[in-house]
Amino acid sequence: MDKIRVDYTLDLRGEPCPYPLIYSLEILAKMVAGQVLELIADCPQSFRSVPEEAVKQGYKLVAGPFKEGSVLRFYLQK
């Protein structure tokens, strides 16, 4: 995979669901079209909820979710 150019990183390790989803949607709404958000979370429900809801809201899942132990990484584009 090519290196993804990340414009903003949101590290929400330790935050329970639904906060990773809520905070990532809030940040994406403030970003400029084309920018990429890297979301780092460790809430297991985020694995499905974040990409599903982000796509429903019109954002693009560029890569992920990637699981590294208990840590999840998502790359979402506005």
Protein backbone atom coordinates (compact mmCIF):
# COMPACT_ATOMS: atom_id res chain seq x y z
CA MET A 1 0.00 0.00 0.00
CA ASP A 2 1.22 3.50 -0.82
CA LYS A 3 1.88 5.85 2.05
CA ILE A 4 -1.23 7.78 3.00
CA ARG A 5 -0.83 11.52 3.45
CA VAL A 6 -2.52 12.23 6.78
CA ASP A 7 -3.78 15.75 7.47
CA TYR A 8 -5.04 15.14 11.00
CA THR A 9 -4.54 12.36 13.57
CA LEU A 10 -7.11 11.68 16.25
CA ASP A 11 -5.82 9.34 18.97
CA LEU A 12 -8.76 8.09 21.01
CA ARG A 13 -7.19 5.11 22.73
CA GLY A 14 -8.94 4.63 26.05
CA GLU A 15 -12.17 6.30 24.92
CA PRO A 16 -15.18 3.96 25.06
CA CYS A 17 -17.69 3.68 22.24
CA PRO A 18 -19.44 5.65 20.85
CA TYR A 19 -16.87 8.43 21.36
CA PRO A 20 -14.45 7.37 18.60
CA LEU A 21 -17.31 7.56 16.11
CA ILE A 22 -18.73 10.82 17.46
CA TYR A 23 -15.38 12.62 17.63
CA SER A 24 -14.22 11.42 14.22
CA LEU A 25 -17.44 12.64 12.56
CA GLU A 26 -17.09 16.02 14.32
CA ILE A 27 -13.50 16.42 13.08
CA LEU A 28 -14.34 15.27 9.54
CA ALA A 29 -17.13 17.86 9.35
CA LYS A 30 -14.57 20.62 10.07
CA MET A 31 -11.95 19.37 7.61
CA VAL A 32 -11.48 20.52 4.02
CA ALA A 33 -12.65 18.27 1.17
CA GLY A 34 -9.92 15.81 0.24
CA GLN A 35 -8.17 15.87 3.61
CA VAL A 36 -7.49 12.57 5.40
CA LEU A 37 -8.13 11.79 9.06
CA GLU A 38 -6.16 9.04 10.79
CA LEU A 39 -8.24 7.66 13.65
CA ILE A 40 -6.57 5.52 16.30
CA ALA A 41 -8.89 3.73 18.72
CA ASP A 42 -9.03 0.65 20.90
CA CYS A 43 -12.78 0.27 21.35
CA PRO A 44 -13.70 -3.06 19.66
CA GLN A 45 -17.08 -1.79 18.43
CA SER A 46 -15.27 0.89 16.41
CA PHE A 47 -14.07 -1.79 13.99
CA ARG A 48 -17.51 -1.82 12.34
CA SER A 49 -19.27 1.31 13.58
CA VAL A 50 -16.72 3.90 12.45
CA PRO A 51 -16.33 2.86 8.79
CA GLU A 52 -20.03 2.04 8.34
CA GLU A 53 -21.30 5.33 9.75
CA ALA A 54 -18.60 7.46 8.12
CA VAL A 55 -19.47 6.06 4.69
CA LYS A 56 -23.19 6.61 5.38
CA GLN A 57 -22.34 10.25 6.18
CA GLY A 58 -20.60 10.65 2.80
CA TYR A 59 -16.97 10.22 3.85
CA LYS A 60 -14.60 7.76 2.20
CA LEU A 61 -12.75 4.97 3.96
CA VAL A 62 -9.34 5.21 2.27
CA ALA A 63 -7.74 2.39 4.25
CA GLY A 64 -8.41 0.19 7.23
CA PRO A 65 -9.51 -0.68 9.68
CA PHE A 66 -6.13 -2.13 10.55
CA LYS A 67 -5.84 -4.09 13.78
CA GLU A 68 -2.53 -3.95 15.66
CA GLY A 69 -3.13 -5.90 18.87
CA SER A 70 -5.98 -4.05 20.55
CA VAL A 71 -5.36 -0.86 18.53
CA LEU A 72 -7.41 -0.02 15.44
CA ARG A 73 -6.39 2.45 12.72
CA PHE A 74 -8.73 3.97 10.17
CA TYR A 75 -8.02 6.44 7.38
CA LEU A 76 -11.05 8.50 6.42
CA GLN A 77 -11.27 11.17 3.75
CA LYS A 78 -13.66 14.09 3.67
